[in-house]
Amino acid sequence: MGIRLTAFAIDIPRFAALIERPVGELLWSLADQGTGEATEPVMLYEPKGPHYHARSGDGVWMSIIDSSGTLTQHPLARNGAAWPEALRASAREFISTHNSYQLELLLQAVDRCCSNGPVVRVIAPERLDWIWSFLAAAETELTTAECEQLTLLCQKLLRWRNWITPARHFRLSDFDFVVLPSDDDANEMGVWSVSEVGCVSTLSGKLLSNLQRSFNTPPATSSDLDPQAWDQYVRTNAGRLRRLPSLPFQVLNLVSFVD
């Protein structure tokens, strides 16, 4: 499958309120609201530690694999007094003390389980090289300043990868978001602020309006898409960026993961 980009639009006020809830309470809420498919919104990664799963129609379970490789599962009550310490902590505290994969799992679960919720997955999961085609078109269809601005914002999603754009190294601490994980070594995280989302939307719209030709196929791409299908693929993703402000969110951030 290769390296992929996943991105979520997030309504900050509602998401900030959601993550103040205890992890156990949030898991039970996701299990109650689920659509029937199994969800694994959060996990613990301490050595030999438990994994917590919220399953639609089946409540919340704790899974433990012992030293012999035997898996045991235990249902967890709604009563917070019986929860392990990790489930009594707020989701904000849990996210901030674990790696970014936990945040991605939580966003996936909220998007999947909460109708009209504070999280909507807008890119998931897509190959990265459409961004090369997108920025190559920006060089001819936008002003130099606009192209540089769009490139910078794409670099925030790509982080250190320099085979699509010139390398720009962003640290996790460079991003302003309602909660940041302890690290993102496993799947690099990117963030666009409210103003950056608006900027990308405007520039994407201008690029799509100006472009009177097909998007170029990246050199050495492994795509099995023909040029016409590739053009439509890039247009689809660019259109998703253009439409971001149309979401009914009060304060919109975009959070991405590359893994």
Protein backbone atom coordinates (compact mmCIF):
# COMPACT_ATOMS: atom_id res chain seq x y z
CA MET A 1 0.00 0.00 0.00
CA GLY A 2 2.95 2.32 0.57
CA ILE A 3 3.08 5.64 2.40
CA ARG A 4 -0.37 7.22 2.75
CA LEU A 5 -1.87 10.49 3.91
CA THR A 6 -4.99 10.62 6.08
CA ALA A 7 -6.57 13.93 7.11
CA PHE A 8 -9.43 14.94 9.39
CA ALA A 9 -11.38 18.17 9.62
CA ILE A 10 -12.03 18.99 13.28
CA ASP A 11 -14.42 21.42 14.94
CA ILE A 12 -12.16 22.63 17.74
CA PRO A 13 -14.73 23.77 20.38
CA ARG A 14 -16.69 20.53 20.24
CA PHE A 15 -13.59 18.32 20.04
CA ALA A 16 -12.00 20.17 22.98
CA ALA A 17 -15.11 19.47 25.08
CA LEU A 18 -15.12 15.82 24.01
CA ILE A 19 -11.55 15.11 25.11
CA GLU A 20 -12.18 16.49 28.60
CA ARG A 21 -14.30 13.39 29.25
CA PRO A 22 -12.71 10.35 30.95
CA VAL A 23 -11.41 7.79 28.48
CA GLY A 24 -13.78 5.12 29.80
CA GLU A 25 -16.80 7.39 29.44
CA LEU A 26 -15.76 8.33 25.92
CA LEU A 27 -15.28 4.68 24.96
CA TRP A 28 -18.75 3.82 26.23
CA SER A 29 -20.19 6.75 24.29
CA LEU A 30 -18.50 5.53 21.09
CA ALA A 31 -19.75 1.99 21.68
CA ASP A 32 -23.30 3.29 22.15
CA GLN A 33 -23.16 5.46 19.02
CA GLY A 34 -21.34 2.97 16.78
CA THR A 35 -22.69 1.80 13.47
CA GLY A 36 -22.16 -1.92 13.99
CA GLU A 37 -18.52 -2.27 12.97
CA ALA A 38 -15.83 -2.90 15.54
CA THR A 39 -13.97 0.18 16.69
CA GLU A 40 -10.63 0.49 18.43
CA PRO A 41 -10.42 4.17 19.23
CA VAL A 42 -7.67 4.01 21.83
CA MET A 43 -4.99 1.60 22.97
CA LEU A 44 -2.24 1.46 25.55
CA TYR A 45 1.28 0.61 24.47
CA GLU A 46 3.05 -0.01 27.75
CA PRO A 47 4.92 -3.34 27.66
CA LYS A 48 2.44 -6.18 28.22
CA GLY A 49 -0.20 -3.56 28.88
CA PRO A 50 -3.88 -3.81 28.01
CA HIS A 51 -5.66 -2.62 24.88
CA TYR A 52 -9.09 -1.09 25.28
CA HIS A 53 -11.72 -1.61 22.60
CA ALA A 54 -15.14 -0.02 22.13
CA ARG A 55 -17.45 -2.25 20.13
CA SER A 56 -20.82 -1.16 18.84
CA GLY A 57 -23.53 -3.13 20.59
CA ASP A 58 -20.96 -4.98 22.67
CA GLY A 59 -19.71 -2.36 25.12
CA VAL A 60 -16.12 -1.77 26.19
CA TRP A 61 -13.55 -4.53 26.57
CA MET A 62 -10.01 -4.83 27.88
CA SER A 63 -7.65 -7.20 26.06
CA ILE A 64 -4.43 -8.52 27.59
CA ILE A 65 -1.82 -10.77 25.98
CA ASP A 66 0.31 -12.55 28.59
CA SER A 67 3.94 -13.64 28.28
CA SER A 68 2.89 -16.94 26.69
CA GLY A 69 0.95 -15.13 23.98
CA THR A 70 -2.46 -16.03 25.40
CA LEU A 71 -5.16 -13.43 24.80
CA THR A 72 -7.75 -12.78 27.48
CA GLN A 73 -10.60 -10.30 27.22
CA HIS A 74 -12.67 -8.74 29.97
CA PRO A 75 -15.83 -6.62 29.66
CA LEU A 76 -15.67 -3.30 31.47
CA ALA A 77 -18.60 -1.89 33.41
CA ARG A 78 -20.07 1.54 32.87
CA ASN A 79 -19.31 2.30 36.50
CA GLY A 80 -16.22 4.49 36.57
CA ALA A 81 -15.24 3.29 40.04
CA ALA A 82 -14.34 -0.10 38.56
CA TRP A 83 -12.23 1.27 35.70
CA PRO A 84 -8.45 0.91 35.52
CA GLU A 85 -6.56 4.14 36.16
CA ALA A 86 -5.94 4.73 32.45
CA LEU A 87 -9.69 4.89 31.76
CA ARG A 88 -10.35 7.33 34.58
CA ALA A 89 -7.94 9.88 33.05
CA SER A 90 -9.31 12.42 30.60
CA ALA A 91 -8.93 11.69 26.90
CA ARG A 92 -6.81 14.86 26.69
CA GLU A 93 -4.38 13.48 29.27
CA PHE A 94 -4.31 10.09 27.56
CA ILE A 95 -3.53 11.58 24.14
CA SER A 96 -0.83 13.89 25.51
CA THR A 97 1.04 10.99 27.14
CA HIS A 98 0.88 8.58 24.19
CA ASN A 99 2.08 8.64 20.61
CA SER A 100 0.14 10.13 17.72
CA TYR A 101 -1.29 6.79 16.65
CA GLN A 102 -3.65 6.99 19.64
CA LEU A 103 -4.95 10.36 18.43
CA GLU A 104 -5.44 9.00 14.90
CA LEU A 105 -7.39 6.01 16.25
CA LEU A 106 -9.58 8.30 18.31
CA LEU A 107 -10.30 10.59 15.35
CA GLN A 108 -11.15 7.57 13.19
CA ALA A 109 -13.58 6.31 15.82
CA VAL A 110 -15.30 9.67 16.38
CA ASP A 111 -15.67 10.16 12.62
CA ARG A 112 -17.13 6.67 12.20
CA CYS A 113 -19.39 6.55 15.26
CA CYS A 114 -20.65 10.09 15.86
CA SER A 115 -23.26 11.34 13.42
CA ASN A 116 -22.82 15.11 12.90
CA GLY A 117 -19.87 14.93 15.27
CA PRO A 118 -16.82 17.18 15.60
CA VAL A 119 -14.57 15.07 13.32
CA VAL A 120 -14.91 14.35 9.59
CA ARG A 121 -12.33 12.38 7.66
CA VAL A 122 -11.68 14.32 4.45
CA ILE A 123 -8.66 12.49 2.99
CA ALA A 124 -8.29 8.85 3.82
CA PRO A 125 -5.98 7.20 3.13
CA GLU A 126 -4.43 8.50 -0.08
CA ARG A 127 -1.05 8.16 -1.76
CA LEU A 128 1.20 11.21 -1.47
CA ASP A 129 2.30 11.81 -5.05
CA TRP A 130 -0.91 13.60 -6.07
CA ILE A 131 0.54 16.52 -4.08
CA TRP A 132 3.43 16.66 -6.55
CA SER A 133 0.97 17.11 -9.43
CA PHE A 134 -1.02 19.63 -7.40
CA LEU A 135 2.02 21.81 -6.65
CA ALA A 136 3.45 21.44 -10.17
CA ALA A 137 0.23 22.98 -11.49
CA ALA A 138 0.39 25.72 -8.85
CA GLU A 139 3.73 26.87 -10.33
CA THR A 140 2.00 27.87 -13.57
CA GLU A 141 -1.51 28.76 -12.40
CA LEU A 142 -0.80 30.80 -9.24
CA THR A 143 1.45 33.74 -8.47
CA THR A 144 4.90 33.05 -7.09
CA ALA A 145 3.82 34.17 -3.62
CA GLU A 146 0.70 32.01 -3.74
CA CYS A 147 2.65 29.00 -4.94
CA GLU A 148 5.21 29.43 -2.14
CA GLN A 149 2.42 29.71 0.42
CA LEU A 150 0.67 26.58 -0.85
CA THR A 151 3.96 24.67 -0.92
CA LEU A 152 4.68 25.63 2.69
CA LEU A 153 1.27 24.40 3.81
CA CYS A 154 1.72 21.11 1.96
CA GLN A 155 5.12 20.74 3.62
CA LYS A 156 3.34 20.88 6.98
CA LEU A 157 1.51 17.71 5.99
CA LEU A 158 4.51 15.98 4.39
CA ARG A 159 6.90 16.99 7.21
CA TRP A 160 10.46 15.89 6.35
CA ARG A 161 9.74 14.21 3.01
CA ASN A 162 11.63 16.00 0.23
CA TRP A 163 10.79 13.91 -2.82
CA ILE A 164 7.63 15.93 -3.44
CA THR A 165 8.58 19.36 -2.09
CA PRO A 166 11.85 20.87 -0.85
CA ALA A 167 12.44 19.62 2.68
CA ARG A 168 11.06 21.71 5.54
CA HIS A 169 11.52 20.23 8.97
CA PHE A 170 8.64 20.83 11.36
CA ARG A 171 8.63 19.55 14.90
CA LEU A 172 5.48 18.41 16.63
CA SER A 173 5.84 21.39 18.97
CA ASP A 174 5.63 23.73 15.96
CA PHE A 175 1.93 22.96 15.59
CA ASP A 176 -0.89 24.70 17.43
CA PHE A 177 -3.65 22.21 18.23
CA VAL A 178 -5.99 21.62 21.13
CA VAL A 179 -3.93 18.61 22.27
CA LEU A 180 -0.59 17.24 21.05
CA PRO A 181 0.65 13.67 21.58
CA SER A 182 3.92 12.94 23.33
CA ASP A 183 5.57 12.01 20.01
CA ASP A 184 4.71 11.19 16.41
CA ASP A 185 7.58 8.93 15.38
CA ALA A 186 5.24 6.20 14.13
CA ASN A 187 2.99 8.38 11.97
CA GLU A 188 3.98 11.99 11.45
CA MET A 189 1.25 14.49 12.30
CA GLY A 190 0.49 17.76 10.52
CA VAL A 191 -1.87 20.60 11.45
CA TRP A 192 -3.52 23.44 9.55
CA SER A 193 -4.99 26.31 11.54
CA VAL A 194 -8.29 28.02 10.75
CA SER A 195 -6.58 30.65 8.60
CA GLU A 196 -4.43 28.04 6.85
CA VAL A 197 -7.48 25.95 5.98
CA GLY A 198 -9.07 29.06 4.47
CA CYS A 199 -5.90 29.84 2.53
CA VAL A 200 -5.62 26.33 1.08
CA SER A 201 -9.30 26.38 0.14
CA THR A 202 -8.97 29.70 -1.69
CA LEU A 203 -5.78 28.72 -3.53
CA SER A 204 -7.14 25.29 -4.45
CA GLY A 205 -10.24 26.93 -5.90
CA LYS A 206 -8.17 29.41 -7.88
CA LEU A 207 -5.88 26.68 -9.20
CA LEU A 208 -8.78 24.48 -10.31
CA SER A 209 -10.50 27.44 -11.95
CA ASN A 210 -7.36 28.56 -13.82
CA LEU A 211 -6.12 25.15 -14.94
CA GLN A 212 -7.15 24.46 -18.53
CA ARG A 213 -5.11 21.29 -18.94
CA SER A 214 -4.69 17.97 -17.19
CA PHE A 215 -2.59 17.56 -14.06
CA ASN A 216 0.80 16.10 -14.91
CA THR A 217 1.65 12.58 -13.83
CA PRO A 218 4.62 12.54 -11.42
CA PRO A 219 7.90 11.29 -12.88
CA ALA A 220 8.68 7.72 -11.87
CA THR A 221 5.20 7.28 -10.43
CA SER A 222 4.12 3.72 -9.80
CA SER A 223 0.51 4.60 -10.50
CA ASP A 224 -1.52 2.19 -12.57
CA LEU A 225 -3.86 5.05 -13.49
CA ASP A 226 -3.86 6.37 -17.03
CA PRO A 227 -3.31 10.15 -17.50
CA GLN A 228 -7.03 10.92 -17.62
CA ALA A 229 -7.76 8.91 -14.47
CA TRP A 230 -4.76 10.50 -12.73
CA ASP A 231 -6.03 13.98 -13.61
CA GLN A 232 -9.41 13.14 -12.09
CA TYR A 233 -7.72 11.67 -9.01
CA VAL A 234 -5.79 14.89 -8.35
CA ARG A 235 -8.87 17.04 -9.05
CA THR A 236 -10.88 14.99 -6.55
CA ASN A 237 -8.35 15.57 -3.77
CA ALA A 238 -7.90 19.25 -4.62
CA GLY A 239 -11.68 19.62 -4.59
CA ARG A 240 -11.81 18.18 -1.08
CA LEU A 241 -9.41 20.90 0.07
CA ARG A 242 -11.41 23.60 -1.69
CA ARG A 243 -14.64 22.52 0.03
CA LEU A 244 -13.25 22.38 3.59
CA PRO A 245 -14.82 25.69 4.75
CA SER A 246 -18.26 24.45 3.71
CA LEU A 247 -18.31 22.07 6.69
CA PRO A 248 -20.68 23.27 9.45
CA PHE A 249 -17.84 23.78 11.93
CA GLN A 250 -17.37 26.80 14.17
CA VAL A 251 -13.54 26.69 14.34
CA LEU A 252 -12.03 24.36 11.73
CA ASN A 253 -8.60 22.78 11.97
CA LEU A 254 -7.20 20.06 9.73
CA VAL A 255 -5.07 17.32 11.25
CA SER A 256 -3.18 14.84 9.08
CA PHE A 257 -1.12 11.71 9.54
CA VAL A 258 1.44 10.12 7.22
CA ASP A 259 2.10 6.43 7.77
